[in-house]
Every structure is written in structure tokens, then in C-alpha cells.
Amino acid sequence: MILPTRRNGNAEFLDDLIARSCATKGGHLWINPSQWTLYVSWGRTISGYDLDAMKARVLAVGGAVIDVRHADPGQVLHLAFSGPMIAVGEDPRFILCDALSYESLEIIAARYRSAGADIHNIRDPQEAGDATLSLPA
């Protein structure tokens, strides 16, 4: 026996998380070739596999999106492993080394943009008036 799914309940839950992500400093949707991850708040994420549908859903409400599917894979891996990470729901901060530190969404998105990622609804740091990292060199 196949049980019916509660599509409306799931859609409302997802829409609520997207709204929270949009309201959170640094909240964004990350899309790689195999899955998406929605960063809702500090330490709170949700992931899934319907990439284009989720991207359209987040873009429809003006949410921030970093889509690395068409970026240079070597550069994406280098950026991901060398850090810093995106500060979601908190201020940028330096912890031991760049890889364990947190930086603003705009700064990190600019790095992925230069690697060929599709960036939506995230200002370039120069537009935001910040051309440098806020972390120590």
C-alpha cells in the first residue's frame, strides 16, 4: 500500500525555511552537481536533490544562490578546502587558519564567481563598498 504524501505540508515547511534563510545574514542556497543545501541559520541546513526546482523556488523570493555546477571543479575544490567558510547568522571571524574561519557571503561569493559559478542576488564586494577580506592576512 502506498501512502499519500502531504505535498502542501512539505511545501509550506520548505517555504518557511527559505524565508528564514532570506532573513538570515549570510543565508543562501548552495548548489553543487549532486545536491543543494539551504543554509537557514547558524548550524541549521537542509539538503535535497531536485536542483533546478529548488533554485527556481529560492530565486522566486529573491534569495541568495551560489550554483557551482558550471564552475571550474579544481577551483571550487580549492576554495572549499582552503576556506574560509561563509558566516551564516554570525559575524565574520578568524579561527586558527583560513580554512576554519568565517567570512561574509559577499566575499566568498565573489571568489566562487571568479571560478565561474553562477551567483544570484549577492552583491559583489566592490558594490557593497568592501574590496578586501575582513579576516587577518
C-alpha atoms as a PDB file:
ATOM      1  CA  MET A   1       0.000   0.000   0.000  1.00  0.00           C
ATOM      2  CA  ILE A   2       1.363   3.408  -0.988  1.00  0.00           C
ATOM      3  CA  LEU A   3       0.628   6.177   1.469  1.00  0.00           C
ATOM      4  CA  PRO A   4      -0.240   9.609   0.062  1.00  0.00           C
ATOM      5  CA  THR A   5       2.328  12.333   0.679  1.00  0.00           C
ATOM      6  CA  ARG A   6       1.454  15.671   2.228  1.00  0.00           C
ATOM      7  CA  ARG A   7       2.808  17.856  -0.575  1.00  0.00           C
ATOM      8  CA  ASN A   8       1.231  21.025   0.796  1.00  0.00           C
ATOM      9  CA  GLY A   9       2.717  20.485   4.244  1.00  0.00           C
ATOM     10  CA  ASN A  10       6.162  19.829   2.784  1.00  0.00           C
ATOM     11  CA  ALA A  11       5.916  22.868   0.502  1.00  0.00           C
ATOM     12  CA  GLU A  12       4.889  25.120   3.397  1.00  0.00           C
ATOM     13  CA  PHE A  13       7.739  23.784   5.540  1.00  0.00           C
ATOM     14  CA  LEU A  14      10.249  24.416   2.742  1.00  0.00           C
ATOM     15  CA  ASP A  15       8.838  27.889   2.029  1.00  0.00           C
ATOM     16  CA  ASP A  16       9.219  28.745   5.733  1.00  0.00           C
ATOM     17  CA  LEU A  17      12.860  27.619   5.702  1.00  0.00           C
ATOM     18  CA  ILE A  18      13.557  29.622   2.540  1.00  0.00           C
ATOM     19  CA  ALA A  19      12.022  32.728   4.140  1.00  0.00           C
ATOM     20  CA  ARG A  20      14.182  32.210   7.241  1.00  0.00           C
ATOM     21  CA  SER A  21      17.269  31.783   5.071  1.00  0.00           C
ATOM     22  CA  CYS A  22      16.483  35.038   3.232  1.00  0.00           C
ATOM     23  CA  ALA A  23      16.101  36.846   6.561  1.00  0.00           C
ATOM     24  CA  THR A  24      19.383  35.485   7.964  1.00  0.00           C
ATOM     25  CA  LYS A  25      22.663  37.309   7.409  1.00  0.00           C
ATOM     26  CA  GLY A  26      24.666  35.005   5.128  1.00  0.00           C
ATOM     27  CA  GLY A  27      21.720  32.678   4.457  1.00  0.00           C
ATOM     28  CA  HIS A  28      21.895  31.182   0.975  1.00  0.00           C
ATOM     29  CA  LEU A  29      21.275  28.209  -1.286  1.00  0.00           C
ATOM     30  CA  TRP A  30      24.382  26.245  -2.337  1.00  0.00           C
ATOM     31  CA  ILE A  31      24.078  24.048  -5.424  1.00  0.00           C
ATOM     32  CA  ASN A  32      26.745  21.566  -6.494  1.00  0.00           C
ATOM     33  CA  PRO A  33      26.482  18.901  -9.224  1.00  0.00           C
ATOM     34  CA  SER A  34      24.813  16.343  -6.967  1.00  0.00           C
ATOM     35  CA  GLN A  35      22.714  18.208  -4.374  1.00  0.00           C
ATOM     36  CA  TRP A  36      21.552  21.524  -2.945  1.00  0.00           C
ATOM     37  CA  THR A  37      21.980  22.787   0.600  1.00  0.00           C
ATOM     38  CA  LEU A  38      19.926  25.622   2.056  1.00  0.00           C
ATOM     39  CA  TYR A  39      21.738  27.477   4.843  1.00  0.00           C
ATOM     40  CA  VAL A  40      18.921  28.647   7.097  1.00  0.00           C
ATOM     41  CA  SER A  41      20.790  29.921  10.170  1.00  0.00           C
ATOM     42  CA  TRP A  42      23.950  29.171  12.137  1.00  0.00           C
ATOM     43  CA  GLY A  43      24.220  25.388  12.270  1.00  0.00           C
ATOM     44  CA  ARG A  44      20.881  24.804  10.535  1.00  0.00           C
ATOM     45  CA  THR A  45      20.776  23.429   6.996  1.00  0.00           C
ATOM     46  CA  ILE A  46      18.574  21.239   4.854  1.00  0.00           C
ATOM     47  CA  SER A  47      19.622  19.399   1.690  1.00  0.00           C
ATOM     48  CA  GLY A  48      17.932  17.775  -1.273  1.00  0.00           C
ATOM     49  CA  TYR A  49      18.346  16.631  -4.859  1.00  0.00           C
ATOM     50  CA  ASP A  50      15.830  18.478  -7.058  1.00  0.00           C
ATOM     51  CA  LEU A  51      18.407  21.121  -8.032  1.00  0.00           C
ATOM     52  CA  ASP A  52      16.642  23.277 -10.612  1.00  0.00           C
ATOM     53  CA  ALA A  53      13.283  23.254  -8.835  1.00  0.00           C
ATOM     54  CA  MET A  54      14.865  24.411  -5.577  1.00  0.00           C
ATOM     55  CA  LYS A  55      16.935  27.055  -7.346  1.00  0.00           C
ATOM     56  CA  ALA A  56      13.786  28.427  -9.019  1.00  0.00           C
ATOM     57  CA  ARG A  57      11.916  28.393  -5.700  1.00  0.00           C
ATOM     58  CA  VAL A  58      14.645  30.387  -3.900  1.00  0.00           C
ATOM     59  CA  LEU A  59      15.136  32.824  -6.794  1.00  0.00           C
ATOM     60  CA  ALA A  60      11.375  33.458  -6.929  1.00  0.00           C
ATOM     61  CA  VAL A  61      11.536  35.058  -3.475  1.00  0.00           C
ATOM     62  CA  GLY A  62      14.849  36.873  -4.082  1.00  0.00           C
ATOM     63  CA  GLY A  63      17.063  34.502  -2.101  1.00  0.00           C
ATOM     64  CA  ALA A  64      20.834  34.267  -2.462  1.00  0.00           C
ATOM     65  CA  VAL A  65      22.119  31.405  -4.630  1.00  0.00           C
ATOM     66  CA  ILE A  66      25.621  30.058  -5.327  1.00  0.00           C
ATOM     67  CA  ASP A  67      25.470  27.464  -8.128  1.00  0.00           C
ATOM     68  CA  VAL A  68      28.867  25.836  -8.791  1.00  0.00           C
ATOM     69  CA  ARG A  69      27.697  23.258 -11.346  1.00  0.00           C
ATOM     70  CA  HIS A  70      29.343  25.130 -14.240  1.00  0.00           C
ATOM     71  CA  ALA A  71      32.396  26.397 -12.350  1.00  0.00           C
ATOM     72  CA  ASP A  72      35.908  25.011 -12.664  1.00  0.00           C
ATOM     73  CA  PRO A  73      35.905  21.910 -10.394  1.00  0.00           C
ATOM     74  CA  GLY A  74      39.554  22.329  -9.379  1.00  0.00           C
ATOM     75  CA  GLN A  75      38.994  25.920  -8.295  1.00  0.00           C
ATOM     76  CA  VAL A  76      35.796  25.014  -6.455  1.00  0.00           C
ATOM     77  CA  LEU A  77      37.603  22.277  -4.509  1.00  0.00           C
ATOM     78  CA  HIS A  78      40.481  24.612  -3.719  1.00  0.00           C
ATOM     79  CA  LEU A  79      38.128  27.310  -2.430  1.00  0.00           C
ATOM     80  CA  ALA A  80      36.097  24.818  -0.407  1.00  0.00           C
ATOM     81  CA  PHE A  81      39.106  23.234   1.287  1.00  0.00           C
ATOM     82  CA  SER A  82      41.277  26.319   1.773  1.00  0.00           C
ATOM     83  CA  GLY A  83      38.410  28.377   3.245  1.00  0.00           C
ATOM     84  CA  PRO A  84      37.196  30.467   4.823  1.00  0.00           C
ATOM     85  CA  MET A  85      33.601  29.306   5.213  1.00  0.00           C
ATOM     86  CA  ILE A  86      30.539  31.545   4.874  1.00  0.00           C
ATOM     87  CA  ALA A  87      29.398  33.192   8.102  1.00  0.00           C
ATOM     88  CA  VAL A  88      25.697  32.326   8.339  1.00  0.00           C
ATOM     89  CA  GLY A  89      23.826  34.096  11.130  1.00  0.00           C
ATOM     90  CA  GLU A  90      27.034  35.436  12.656  1.00  0.00           C
ATOM     91  CA  ASP A  91      29.808  37.948  12.017  1.00  0.00           C
ATOM     92  CA  PRO A  92      32.972  37.004  10.118  1.00  0.00           C
ATOM     93  CA  ARG A  93      35.706  35.753  12.446  1.00  0.00           C
ATOM     94  CA  PHE A  94      39.190  34.321  12.254  1.00  0.00           C
ATOM     95  CA  ILE A  95      39.770  30.919  13.904  1.00  0.00           C
ATOM     96  CA  LEU A  96      43.291  29.423  13.798  1.00  0.00           C
ATOM     97  CA  CYS A  97      43.550  29.459   9.974  1.00  0.00           C
ATOM     98  CA  ASP A  98      41.529  30.491   6.924  1.00  0.00           C
ATOM     99  CA  ALA A  99      40.045  27.008   6.454  1.00  0.00           C
ATOM    100  CA  LEU A 100      38.372  27.132   9.881  1.00  0.00           C
ATOM    101  CA  SER A 101      37.399  30.803   9.738  1.00  0.00           C
ATOM    102  CA  TYR A 102      34.194  32.524   8.629  1.00  0.00           C
ATOM    103  CA  GLU A 103      33.817  35.334   6.079  1.00  0.00           C
ATOM    104  CA  SER A 104      30.873  37.294   4.676  1.00  0.00           C
ATOM    105  CA  LEU A 105      28.656  35.795   1.977  1.00  0.00           C
ATOM    106  CA  GLU A 106      29.591  38.594  -0.454  1.00  0.00           C
ATOM    107  CA  ILE A 107      33.347  37.967  -0.162  1.00  0.00           C
ATOM    108  CA  ILE A 108      33.060  34.192  -0.588  1.00  0.00           C
ATOM    109  CA  ALA A 109      30.539  34.505  -3.445  1.00  0.00           C
ATOM    110  CA  ALA A 110      32.988  36.806  -5.269  1.00  0.00           C
ATOM    111  CA  ARG A 111      35.655  34.084  -5.066  1.00  0.00           C
ATOM    112  CA  TYR A 112      33.261  31.488  -6.498  1.00  0.00           C
ATOM    113  CA  ARG A 113      32.100  33.979  -9.163  1.00  0.00           C
ATOM    114  CA  SER A 114      35.729  34.286 -10.336  1.00  0.00           C
ATOM    115  CA  ALA A 115      35.862  30.459 -10.578  1.00  0.00           C
ATOM    116  CA  GLY A 116      32.852  30.522 -12.933  1.00  0.00           C
ATOM    117  CA  ALA A 117      29.984  29.874 -10.509  1.00  0.00           C
ATOM    118  CA  ASP A 118      26.532  31.321 -11.165  1.00  0.00           C
ATOM    119  CA  ILE A 119      25.838  33.837  -8.385  1.00  0.00           C
ATOM    120  CA  HIS A 120      22.347  35.270  -7.877  1.00  0.00           C
ATOM    121  CA  ASN A 121      21.102  38.004  -5.530  1.00  0.00           C
ATOM    122  CA  ILE A 122      24.505  38.504  -3.876  1.00  0.00           C
ATOM    123  CA  ARG A 123      26.246  41.834  -4.331  1.00  0.00           C
ATOM    124  CA  ASP A 124      29.854  41.978  -5.456  1.00  0.00           C
ATOM    125  CA  PRO A 125      32.050  43.197  -2.538  1.00  0.00           C
ATOM    126  CA  GLN A 126      33.053  46.288  -4.558  1.00  0.00           C
ATOM    127  CA  GLU A 127      29.365  47.185  -4.889  1.00  0.00           C
ATOM    128  CA  ALA A 128      28.997  46.687  -1.145  1.00  0.00           C
ATOM    129  CA  GLY A 129      31.989  49.001  -0.559  1.00  0.00           C
ATOM    130  CA  ASP A 130      34.304  46.231   0.676  1.00  0.00           C
ATOM    131  CA  ALA A 131      37.123  45.132  -1.616  1.00  0.00           C
ATOM    132  CA  THR A 132      39.175  43.249   0.968  1.00  0.00           C
ATOM    133  CA  LEU A 133      38.727  40.323   3.306  1.00  0.00           C
ATOM    134  CA  SER A 134      37.716  41.256   6.811  1.00  0.00           C
ATOM    135  CA  LEU A 135      39.914  38.478   8.211  1.00  0.00           C
ATOM    136  CA  PRO A 136      43.570  38.957   9.165  1.00  0.00           C
ATOM    137  CA  ALA A 137      46.035  38.305   6.336  1.00  0.00           C
END
